[in-house]
Amino acid sequence: MTASDTPLAQRAGILCNDARFQRFAAARSGFEDGQFCTRAAAEFLRSFCRIESRRELDSNEKARARFRVLNTEFDAWTGRIATHR
């Protein structure tokens, strides 16, 4: 199974356990030098995607689109992709 085959809910769970994402979520929430715990990162993700549960990412198209945006912003923040200047 490749990363693209992994259900989005599972990918979101993995992301929330990533220390870099936890720092990103804290920075996006106004805590520039902070780092969220897994639970706070998950809350940030649910709030951003406007969902109650990460499971909704597998069935809610609007939430999936917001998750893709969040993932792209995170990739740009980490330097994995170039940012638009």
C-alpha atoms as a PDB file:
ATOM      1  CA  MET A   1       0.000   0.000   0.000  1.00  0.00           C
ATOM      2  CA  THR A   2       1.433   3.389  -0.967  1.00  0.00           C
ATOM      3  CA  ALA A   3       0.840   6.669   0.864  1.00  0.00           C
ATOM      4  CA  SER A   4      -1.727   7.655  -1.760  1.00  0.00           C
ATOM      5  CA  ASP A   5      -3.614   4.392  -1.111  1.00  0.00           C
ATOM      6  CA  THR A   6      -3.792   5.031   2.628  1.00  0.00           C
ATOM      7  CA  PRO A   7      -7.200   6.353   3.734  1.00  0.00           C
ATOM      8  CA  LEU A   8      -7.091  10.076   4.508  1.00  0.00           C
ATOM      9  CA  ALA A   9      -8.289   9.503   8.074  1.00  0.00           C
ATOM     10  CA  GLN A  10      -5.276   7.276   8.672  1.00  0.00           C
ATOM     11  CA  ARG A  11      -2.931   9.756   6.967  1.00  0.00           C
ATOM     12  CA  ALA A  12      -4.354  12.522   9.173  1.00  0.00           C
ATOM     13  CA  GLY A  13      -3.657  10.428  12.271  1.00  0.00           C
ATOM     14  CA  ILE A  14      -0.074   9.855  11.170  1.00  0.00           C
ATOM     15  CA  LEU A  15       0.313  13.562  10.450  1.00  0.00           C
ATOM     16  CA  CYS A  16      -0.898  14.554  13.928  1.00  0.00           C
ATOM     17  CA  ASN A  17       1.802  12.332  15.446  1.00  0.00           C
ATOM     18  CA  ASP A  18       4.519  14.083  13.401  1.00  0.00           C
ATOM     19  CA  ALA A  19       6.514  16.529  15.562  1.00  0.00           C
ATOM     20  CA  ARG A  20       6.976  18.857  12.566  1.00  0.00           C
ATOM     21  CA  PHE A  21       3.221  19.009  12.027  1.00  0.00           C
ATOM     22  CA  GLN A  22       2.748  19.666  15.738  1.00  0.00           C
ATOM     23  CA  ARG A  23       5.104  22.679  15.444  1.00  0.00           C
ATOM     24  CA  PHE A  24       3.334  23.806  12.260  1.00  0.00           C
ATOM     25  CA  ALA A  25      -0.087  23.583  13.923  1.00  0.00           C
ATOM     26  CA  ALA A  26       1.157  25.565  16.930  1.00  0.00           C
ATOM     27  CA  ALA A  27       2.680  28.235  14.669  1.00  0.00           C
ATOM     28  CA  ARG A  28      -0.528  28.476  12.625  1.00  0.00           C
ATOM     29  CA  SER A  29      -2.411  28.902  15.897  1.00  0.00           C
ATOM     30  CA  GLY A  30      -0.255  31.836  17.000  1.00  0.00           C
ATOM     31  CA  PHE A  31       2.336  29.979  19.081  1.00  0.00           C
ATOM     32  CA  GLU A  32       5.357  30.642  16.854  1.00  0.00           C
ATOM     33  CA  ASP A  33       7.922  28.866  19.025  1.00  0.00           C
ATOM     34  CA  GLY A  34       5.570  26.280  20.458  1.00  0.00           C
ATOM     35  CA  GLN A  35       4.736  22.698  19.733  1.00  0.00           C
ATOM     36  CA  PHE A  36       1.379  21.032  20.177  1.00  0.00           C
ATOM     37  CA  CYS A  37       0.906  17.551  21.556  1.00  0.00           C
ATOM     38  CA  THR A  38      -0.746  14.949  19.339  1.00  0.00           C
ATOM     39  CA  ARG A  39      -4.179  15.721  20.766  1.00  0.00           C
ATOM     40  CA  ALA A  40      -3.880  19.490  20.145  1.00  0.00           C
ATOM     41  CA  ALA A  41      -2.575  18.880  16.610  1.00  0.00           C
ATOM     42  CA  ALA A  42      -5.600  16.653  15.954  1.00  0.00           C
ATOM     43  CA  GLU A  43      -7.921  19.375  17.241  1.00  0.00           C
ATOM     44  CA  PHE A  44      -6.210  21.901  14.960  1.00  0.00           C
ATOM     45  CA  LEU A  45      -6.664  19.560  11.988  1.00  0.00           C
ATOM     46  CA  ARG A  46     -10.342  18.922  12.776  1.00  0.00           C
ATOM     47  CA  SER A  47     -10.959  22.646  13.180  1.00  0.00           C
ATOM     48  CA  PHE A  48      -9.167  23.491   9.924  1.00  0.00           C
ATOM     49  CA  CYS A  49     -11.056  20.794   8.016  1.00  0.00           C
ATOM     50  CA  ARG A  50     -14.346  21.644   9.780  1.00  0.00           C
ATOM     51  CA  ILE A  51     -14.999  18.102  10.925  1.00  0.00           C
ATOM     52  CA  GLU A  52     -15.858  16.358  14.191  1.00  0.00           C
ATOM     53  CA  SER A  53     -13.801  13.249  13.476  1.00  0.00           C
ATOM     54  CA  ARG A  54     -10.883  12.502  11.156  1.00  0.00           C
ATOM     55  CA  ARG A  55     -12.979   9.604   9.799  1.00  0.00           C
ATOM     56  CA  GLU A  56     -15.044  12.207   7.954  1.00  0.00           C
ATOM     57  CA  LEU A  57     -12.074  12.826   5.666  1.00  0.00           C
ATOM     58  CA  ASP A  58     -12.845   9.521   3.965  1.00  0.00           C
ATOM     59  CA  SER A  59     -16.414  10.498   3.076  1.00  0.00           C
ATOM     60  CA  ASN A  60     -16.710  14.309   3.046  1.00  0.00           C
ATOM     61  CA  GLU A  61     -15.434  15.865  -0.194  1.00  0.00           C
ATOM     62  CA  LYS A  62     -15.243  19.410   1.212  1.00  0.00           C
ATOM     63  CA  ALA A  63     -13.245  18.174   4.192  1.00  0.00           C
ATOM     64  CA  ARG A  64     -10.953  16.233   1.841  1.00  0.00           C
ATOM     65  CA  ALA A  65     -10.312  19.407  -0.162  1.00  0.00           C
ATOM     66  CA  ARG A  66      -9.500  21.363   3.013  1.00  0.00           C
ATOM     67  CA  PHE A  67      -7.178  18.540   4.145  1.00  0.00           C
ATOM     68  CA  ARG A  68      -5.328  18.714   0.822  1.00  0.00           C
ATOM     69  CA  VAL A  69      -4.889  22.482   1.274  1.00  0.00           C
ATOM     70  CA  LEU A  70      -3.600  21.956   4.817  1.00  0.00           C
ATOM     71  CA  ASN A  71      -1.218  19.242   3.654  1.00  0.00           C
ATOM     72  CA  THR A  72       0.113  21.489   0.877  1.00  0.00           C
ATOM     73  CA  GLU A  73       0.611  24.375   3.302  1.00  0.00           C
ATOM     74  CA  PHE A  74       2.441  22.039   5.683  1.00  0.00           C
ATOM     75  CA  ASP A  75       4.652  20.738   2.859  1.00  0.00           C
ATOM     76  CA  ALA A  76       5.517  24.331   1.919  1.00  0.00           C
ATOM     77  CA  TRP A  77       6.203  25.207   5.568  1.00  0.00           C
ATOM     78  CA  THR A  78       8.611  22.273   5.896  1.00  0.00           C
ATOM     79  CA  GLY A  79      10.307  23.114   2.599  1.00  0.00           C
ATOM     80  CA  ARG A  80       9.229  19.894   0.867  1.00  0.00           C
ATOM     81  CA  ILE A  81       7.683  21.997  -1.866  1.00  0.00           C
ATOM     82  CA  ALA A  82       8.523  25.493  -3.030  1.00  0.00           C
ATOM     83  CA  THR A  83       6.415  28.375  -1.813  1.00  0.00           C
ATOM     84  CA  HIS A  84       4.952  30.923  -4.144  1.00  0.00           C
ATOM     85  CA  ARG A  85       6.651  34.317  -3.792  1.00  0.00           C
END
